Amino acid sequence: MVLIKKKIPKMIFIIQNANKKAFTLLELIIVLIIVGLSYYLIISTSSIAPKKDTNNLSLSNIKEYIIKNFEFKKNICFFCIEKDLACYIKVDNKIQKDFKIKNFFSSTPSVYEYSDNYTKIDFLPMSMNEGEEKVIFELMLNSDFKHKDFIVDTGDKFYLFNSIYDRPIIFDSFGEVFQKNQNRKQEIKYAF
C-alpha cells in the first residue's frame, strides 16, 4: 500500500506539467488574429501608397508609373484639376488622399480624341472635399490596363496616348500627329 501512495502524487505532477507546456485554444486564436491584422495592414497600405518618388513623374512616364505603383481591381484614374493644376489618383472610384502632385502641367493642356475629328475632350467635373472641381486631364485605365486613345497638347509638345504603348508618342506639331493617323489608316486599308 505504501507504494501506491507514492505513485499517485508523481502522476498528478506529470499531468500538471503537461498542461503547462501547451498553448490554450484562446491563446492560439489571439496570435492568429494579431498576425492576420498585421498582414492586412501591411498589404493594404503598400498597395495604396506610391512606392516611387514622384519628382520625375511626367506625361511621358505617367502610364508606366500608375501600372507599376498601384494595385486596383476595376479601374484607376490619374486626373488633374484646374485649381492649382494639382493631380490626384482615384483607385476603384476612391480618391487617394495621400497622393497629390502640384503643378504637374505648367499651363492648362488641351486634350483631343485621337480620331478623324480630333474633337476636344471636356472631362466631367470631379467631386472633391471642397465641392466639384473642373478636370483638365484624365488618364483612366481599366482592369486590362487599356484606355481611350487621345492627344495632349501642352503648348510645346503633342503627346499621343495609345492603349497599345506604355509610353505616349511625342510629336513636335499637330501636323505630325495628323500624318501618323493618316499612315495608320492606310496600313489598315491595305491590311484588308
C-alpha atoms as a PDB file:
ATOM      1  CA  MET A   1       0.000   0.000   0.000  1.00  0.00           C
ATOM      2  CA  VAL A   2       2.801   2.354   0.643  1.00  0.00           C
ATOM      3  CA  LEU A   3       3.909   2.031  -2.985  1.00  0.00           C
ATOM      4  CA  ILE A   4       0.546   3.126  -4.354  1.00  0.00           C
ATOM      5  CA  LYS A   5       0.515   6.308  -2.287  1.00  0.00           C
ATOM      6  CA  LYS A   6       3.922   7.359  -3.600  1.00  0.00           C
ATOM      7  CA  LYS A   7       2.984   6.872  -7.271  1.00  0.00           C
ATOM      8  CA  ILE A   8      -0.199   8.982  -7.187  1.00  0.00           C
ATOM      9  CA  PRO A   9       1.464  12.326  -6.380  1.00  0.00           C
ATOM     10  CA  LYS A  10       4.076  11.739  -9.121  1.00  0.00           C
ATOM     11  CA  MET A  11       1.322  11.109 -11.699  1.00  0.00           C
ATOM     12  CA  ILE A  12      -0.525  14.280 -10.697  1.00  0.00           C
ATOM     13  CA  PHE A  13       2.740  16.249 -11.018  1.00  0.00           C
ATOM     14  CA  ILE A  14       3.343  14.817 -14.510  1.00  0.00           C
ATOM     15  CA  ILE A  15      -0.222  15.672 -15.641  1.00  0.00           C
ATOM     16  CA  GLN A  16       0.070  19.238 -14.303  1.00  0.00           C
ATOM     17  CA  ASN A  17       3.399  19.799 -16.117  1.00  0.00           C
ATOM     18  CA  ALA A  18       1.961  18.500 -19.391  1.00  0.00           C
ATOM     19  CA  ASN A  19      -0.867  21.059 -19.230  1.00  0.00           C
ATOM     20  CA  LYS A  20       1.526  23.942 -18.599  1.00  0.00           C
ATOM     21  CA  LYS A  21       3.628  23.251 -21.724  1.00  0.00           C
ATOM     22  CA  ALA A  22       0.742  23.546 -24.219  1.00  0.00           C
ATOM     23  CA  PHE A  23      -0.963  26.697 -25.571  1.00  0.00           C
ATOM     24  CA  THR A  24      -4.639  27.135 -24.931  1.00  0.00           C
ATOM     25  CA  LEU A  25      -7.028  27.461 -27.829  1.00  0.00           C
ATOM     26  CA  LEU A  26      -7.731  31.073 -26.842  1.00  0.00           C
ATOM     27  CA  GLU A  27      -4.018  31.960 -26.972  1.00  0.00           C
ATOM     28  CA  LEU A  28      -3.697  30.434 -30.446  1.00  0.00           C
ATOM     29  CA  ILE A  29      -6.736  32.367 -31.722  1.00  0.00           C
ATOM     30  CA  ILE A  30      -5.348  35.650 -30.360  1.00  0.00           C
ATOM     31  CA  VAL A  31      -1.979  35.049 -32.055  1.00  0.00           C
ATOM     32  CA  LEU A  32      -3.695  34.237 -35.375  1.00  0.00           C
ATOM     33  CA  ILE A  33      -5.811  37.406 -35.162  1.00  0.00           C
ATOM     34  CA  ILE A  34      -2.741  39.564 -34.479  1.00  0.00           C
ATOM     35  CA  VAL A  35      -0.795  38.011 -37.387  1.00  0.00           C
ATOM     36  CA  GLY A  36      -3.794  38.383 -39.714  1.00  0.00           C
ATOM     37  CA  LEU A  37      -4.314  42.051 -38.829  1.00  0.00           C
ATOM     38  CA  SER A  38      -0.628  42.812 -39.263  1.00  0.00           C
ATOM     39  CA  TYR A  39      -0.612  41.161 -42.682  1.00  0.00           C
ATOM     40  CA  TYR A  40      -3.770  43.047 -43.753  1.00  0.00           C
ATOM     41  CA  LEU A  41      -2.353  46.426 -42.663  1.00  0.00           C
ATOM     42  CA  ILE A  42       0.955  45.862 -44.436  1.00  0.00           C
ATOM     43  CA  ILE A  43      -0.678  44.750 -47.704  1.00  0.00           C
ATOM     44  CA  SER A  44      -3.385  47.438 -47.737  1.00  0.00           C
ATOM     45  CA  THR A  45      -1.012  50.342 -47.078  1.00  0.00           C
ATOM     46  CA  SER A  46       1.575  49.144 -49.570  1.00  0.00           C
ATOM     47  CA  SER A  47      -0.992  48.904 -52.389  1.00  0.00           C
ATOM     48  CA  ILE A  48      -2.227  52.468 -51.831  1.00  0.00           C
ATOM     49  CA  ALA A  49       0.936  54.403 -51.098  1.00  0.00           C
ATOM     50  CA  PRO A  50       3.225  55.232 -54.001  1.00  0.00           C
ATOM     51  CA  LYS A  51       6.459  53.276 -53.863  1.00  0.00           C
ATOM     52  CA  LYS A  52       8.411  55.637 -56.018  1.00  0.00           C
ATOM     53  CA  ASP A  53       9.461  59.256 -55.917  1.00  0.00           C
ATOM     54  CA  THR A  54       7.068  61.493 -57.877  1.00  0.00           C
ATOM     55  CA  ASN A  55       9.706  64.150 -58.669  1.00  0.00           C
ATOM     56  CA  ASN A  56      10.491  62.578 -62.069  1.00  0.00           C
ATOM     57  CA  LEU A  57       6.843  61.968 -62.937  1.00  0.00           C
ATOM     58  CA  SER A  58       5.803  63.401 -66.302  1.00  0.00           C
ATOM     59  CA  LEU A  59       3.371  62.839 -69.160  1.00  0.00           C
ATOM     60  CA  SER A  60       5.896  60.585 -70.860  1.00  0.00           C
ATOM     61  CA  ASN A  61       6.008  58.071 -67.986  1.00  0.00           C
ATOM     62  CA  ILE A  62       2.657  58.505 -66.194  1.00  0.00           C
ATOM     63  CA  LYS A  63       1.082  55.286 -67.510  1.00  0.00           C
ATOM     64  CA  GLU A  64       4.121  53.188 -66.539  1.00  0.00           C
ATOM     65  CA  TYR A  65       4.159  54.827 -63.111  1.00  0.00           C
ATOM     66  CA  ILE A  66       0.493  54.048 -62.454  1.00  0.00           C
ATOM     67  CA  ILE A  67       0.804  50.419 -63.550  1.00  0.00           C
ATOM     68  CA  LYS A  68       3.973  49.849 -61.559  1.00  0.00           C
ATOM     69  CA  ASN A  69       2.966  51.567 -58.314  1.00  0.00           C
ATOM     70  CA  PHE A  70      -0.734  50.948 -57.772  1.00  0.00           C
ATOM     71  CA  GLU A  71      -2.964  47.908 -57.461  1.00  0.00           C
ATOM     72  CA  PHE A  72      -6.606  48.109 -58.470  1.00  0.00           C
ATOM     73  CA  LYS A  73      -9.470  45.813 -59.359  1.00  0.00           C
ATOM     74  CA  LYS A  74     -11.796  47.783 -61.669  1.00  0.00           C
ATOM     75  CA  ASN A  75     -10.049  50.971 -62.732  1.00  0.00           C
ATOM     76  CA  ILE A  76      -7.531  53.609 -61.819  1.00  0.00           C
ATOM     77  CA  CYS A  77      -7.662  57.229 -62.807  1.00  0.00           C
ATOM     78  CA  PHE A  78      -4.885  59.828 -62.787  1.00  0.00           C
ATOM     79  CA  PHE A  79      -6.567  63.212 -63.084  1.00  0.00           C
ATOM     80  CA  CYS A  80      -5.592  66.858 -62.820  1.00  0.00           C
ATOM     81  CA  ILE A  81      -7.843  69.726 -61.832  1.00  0.00           C
ATOM     82  CA  GLU A  82      -7.792  73.333 -62.982  1.00  0.00           C
ATOM     83  CA  LYS A  83      -7.306  74.655 -59.442  1.00  0.00           C
ATOM     84  CA  ASP A  84      -3.512  74.948 -58.912  1.00  0.00           C
ATOM     85  CA  LEU A  85      -3.040  72.311 -61.661  1.00  0.00           C
ATOM     86  CA  ALA A  86      -2.930  69.631 -58.958  1.00  0.00           C
ATOM     87  CA  CYS A  87      -3.188  65.948 -59.853  1.00  0.00           C
ATOM     88  CA  TYR A  88      -4.635  63.040 -57.906  1.00  0.00           C
ATOM     89  CA  ILE A  89      -5.121  59.275 -58.142  1.00  0.00           C
ATOM     90  CA  LYS A  90      -8.502  57.578 -57.884  1.00  0.00           C
ATOM     91  CA  VAL A  91      -8.301  53.812 -57.258  1.00  0.00           C
ATOM     92  CA  ASP A  92     -11.539  51.889 -57.849  1.00  0.00           C
ATOM     93  CA  ASN A  93     -13.510  55.166 -57.620  1.00  0.00           C
ATOM     94  CA  LYS A  94     -11.899  56.267 -54.327  1.00  0.00           C
ATOM     95  CA  ILE A  95      -9.605  59.296 -54.333  1.00  0.00           C
ATOM     96  CA  GLN A  96      -6.342  58.570 -52.543  1.00  0.00           C
ATOM     97  CA  LYS A  97      -5.946  61.376 -50.009  1.00  0.00           C
ATOM     98  CA  ASP A  98      -2.211  60.804 -49.550  1.00  0.00           C
ATOM     99  CA  PHE A  99      -1.377  61.302 -53.251  1.00  0.00           C
ATOM    100  CA  LYS A 100      -1.233  64.840 -54.662  1.00  0.00           C
ATOM    101  CA  ILE A 101       1.078  66.395 -57.211  1.00  0.00           C
ATOM    102  CA  LYS A 102       1.037  70.154 -57.633  1.00  0.00           C
ATOM    103  CA  ASN A 103       1.846  71.850 -60.947  1.00  0.00           C
ATOM    104  CA  PHE A 104       2.085  68.671 -62.995  1.00  0.00           C
ATOM    105  CA  PHE A 105       1.395  70.899 -66.007  1.00  0.00           C
ATOM    106  CA  SER A 106       2.918  74.358 -66.404  1.00  0.00           C
ATOM    107  CA  SER A 107      -0.318  75.543 -68.065  1.00  0.00           C
ATOM    108  CA  THR A 108      -3.731  74.077 -68.831  1.00  0.00           C
ATOM    109  CA  PRO A 109      -3.356  71.452 -71.585  1.00  0.00           C
ATOM    110  CA  SER A 110      -5.778  70.806 -74.426  1.00  0.00           C
ATOM    111  CA  VAL A 111      -6.887  67.196 -74.820  1.00  0.00           C
ATOM    112  CA  TYR A 112      -8.325  65.807 -78.076  1.00  0.00           C
ATOM    113  CA  GLU A 113      -9.790  62.491 -79.194  1.00  0.00           C
ATOM    114  CA  TYR A 114      -7.462  60.517 -81.439  1.00  0.00           C
ATOM    115  CA  SER A 115      -9.948  60.100 -84.256  1.00  0.00           C
ATOM    116  CA  ASP A 116     -10.789  61.623 -87.630  1.00  0.00           C
ATOM    117  CA  ASN A 117     -12.489  64.605 -85.986  1.00  0.00           C
ATOM    118  CA  TYR A 118      -9.910  65.466 -83.289  1.00  0.00           C
ATOM    119  CA  THR A 119     -12.731  66.670 -81.048  1.00  0.00           C
ATOM    120  CA  LYS A 120     -11.649  68.460 -77.894  1.00  0.00           C
ATOM    121  CA  ILE A 121     -12.459  66.422 -74.796  1.00  0.00           C
ATOM    122  CA  ASP A 122     -14.331  68.060 -71.942  1.00  0.00           C
ATOM    123  CA  PHE A 123     -13.947  65.963 -68.816  1.00  0.00           C
ATOM    124  CA  LEU A 124     -16.668  65.570 -66.218  1.00  0.00           C
ATOM    125  CA  PRO A 125     -16.083  67.533 -63.005  1.00  0.00           C
ATOM    126  CA  MET A 126     -14.665  65.605 -60.056  1.00  0.00           C
ATOM    127  CA  SER A 127     -16.245  65.654 -56.599  1.00  0.00           C
ATOM    128  CA  MET A 128     -13.593  66.681 -54.103  1.00  0.00           C
ATOM    129  CA  ASN A 129     -13.748  67.737 -50.434  1.00  0.00           C
ATOM    130  CA  GLU A 130     -14.372  71.381 -51.320  1.00  0.00           C
ATOM    131  CA  GLY A 131     -17.033  70.558 -53.919  1.00  0.00           C
ATOM    132  CA  GLU A 132     -16.760  69.862 -57.625  1.00  0.00           C
ATOM    133  CA  GLU A 133     -13.541  70.698 -59.439  1.00  0.00           C
ATOM    134  CA  LYS A 134     -13.000  71.176 -63.168  1.00  0.00           C
ATOM    135  CA  VAL A 135     -10.866  68.353 -64.602  1.00  0.00           C
ATOM    136  CA  ILE A 136      -8.321  69.352 -67.264  1.00  0.00           C
ATOM    137  CA  PHE A 137      -6.657  65.958 -67.790  1.00  0.00           C
ATOM    138  CA  GLU A 138      -7.641  62.366 -67.122  1.00  0.00           C
ATOM    139  CA  LEU A 139      -5.944  59.054 -67.811  1.00  0.00           C
ATOM    140  CA  MET A 140      -8.243  56.196 -66.789  1.00  0.00           C
ATOM    141  CA  LEU A 141      -7.050  52.612 -67.071  1.00  0.00           C
ATOM    142  CA  ASN A 142      -9.404  49.651 -66.838  1.00  0.00           C
ATOM    143  CA  SER A 143      -8.537  46.262 -65.335  1.00  0.00           C
ATOM    144  CA  ASP A 144      -6.815  45.279 -68.624  1.00  0.00           C
ATOM    145  CA  PHE A 145      -4.625  48.429 -68.497  1.00  0.00           C
ATOM    146  CA  LYS A 146      -6.471  49.866 -71.513  1.00  0.00           C
ATOM    147  CA  HIS A 147      -7.658  53.444 -72.004  1.00  0.00           C
ATOM    148  CA  LYS A 148      -9.170  55.617 -74.709  1.00  0.00           C
ATOM    149  CA  ASP A 149      -6.723  56.980 -77.260  1.00  0.00           C
ATOM    150  CA  PHE A 150      -6.198  60.725 -77.014  1.00  0.00           C
ATOM    151  CA  ILE A 151      -3.798  63.579 -77.755  1.00  0.00           C
ATOM    152  CA  VAL A 152      -2.500  66.058 -75.189  1.00  0.00           C
ATOM    153  CA  ASP A 153      -1.330  69.476 -76.389  1.00  0.00           C
ATOM    154  CA  THR A 154       0.910  71.024 -73.716  1.00  0.00           C
ATOM    155  CA  GLY A 155       1.748  74.065 -75.815  1.00  0.00           C
ATOM    156  CA  ASP A 156       5.195  72.907 -76.900  1.00  0.00           C
ATOM    157  CA  LYS A 157       4.714  69.155 -77.471  1.00  0.00           C
ATOM    158  CA  PHE A 158       1.918  66.807 -78.501  1.00  0.00           C
ATOM    159  CA  TYR A 159       1.549  63.501 -76.661  1.00  0.00           C
ATOM    160  CA  LEU A 160      -0.349  60.675 -78.345  1.00  0.00           C
ATOM    161  CA  PHE A 161      -1.657  58.236 -75.736  1.00  0.00           C
ATOM    162  CA  ASN A 162      -2.438  54.872 -77.272  1.00  0.00           C
ATOM    163  CA  SER A 163      -3.541  51.817 -75.263  1.00  0.00           C
ATOM    164  CA  ILE A 164      -1.034  49.619 -77.048  1.00  0.00           C
ATOM    165  CA  TYR A 165       2.008  51.502 -75.718  1.00  0.00           C
ATOM    166  CA  ASP A 166       3.179  52.067 -72.143  1.00  0.00           C
ATOM    167  CA  ARG A 167       4.550  55.475 -73.091  1.00  0.00           C
ATOM    168  CA  PRO A 168       2.956  58.136 -75.276  1.00  0.00           C
ATOM    169  CA  ILE A 169       4.408  59.015 -78.668  1.00  0.00           C
ATOM    170  CA  ILE A 170       5.722  62.573 -78.596  1.00  0.00           C
ATOM    171  CA  PHE A 171       5.378  64.923 -81.570  1.00  0.00           C
ATOM    172  CA  ASP A 172       6.534  68.488 -82.195  1.00  0.00           C
ATOM    173  CA  SER A 173       3.428  69.564 -84.123  1.00  0.00           C
ATOM    174  CA  PHE A 174      -0.205  68.649 -84.635  1.00  0.00           C
ATOM    175  CA  GLY A 175       0.620  68.047 -88.302  1.00  0.00           C
ATOM    176  CA  GLU A 176       2.879  65.143 -87.308  1.00  0.00           C
ATOM    177  CA  VAL A 177       0.032  63.615 -85.272  1.00  0.00           C
ATOM    178  CA  PHE A 178      -2.317  64.042 -88.240  1.00  0.00           C
ATOM    179  CA  GLN A 179       0.219  62.361 -90.574  1.00  0.00           C
ATOM    180  CA  LYS A 180       0.630  59.463 -88.111  1.00  0.00           C
ATOM    181  CA  ASN A 181      -3.167  58.974 -88.132  1.00  0.00           C
ATOM    182  CA  GLN A 182      -3.273  59.033 -91.953  1.00  0.00           C
ATOM    183  CA  ASN A 183      -0.472  56.448 -92.149  1.00  0.00           C
ATOM    184  CA  ARG A 184      -2.338  54.249 -89.661  1.00  0.00           C
ATOM    185  CA  LYS A 185      -5.497  54.404 -91.796  1.00  0.00           C
ATOM    186  CA  GLN A 186      -3.517  53.458 -94.919  1.00  0.00           C
ATOM    187  CA  GLU A 187      -1.959  50.475 -93.135  1.00  0.00           C
ATOM    188  CA  ILE A 188      -5.387  49.272 -92.034  1.00  0.00           C
ATOM    189  CA  LYS A 189      -6.823  49.793 -95.508  1.00  0.00           C
ATOM    190  CA  TYR A 190      -4.070  47.747 -97.188  1.00  0.00           C
ATOM    191  CA  ALA A 191      -4.180  45.056 -94.496  1.00  0.00           C
ATOM    192  CA  PHE A 192      -7.661  44.052 -95.660  1.00  0.00           C
END
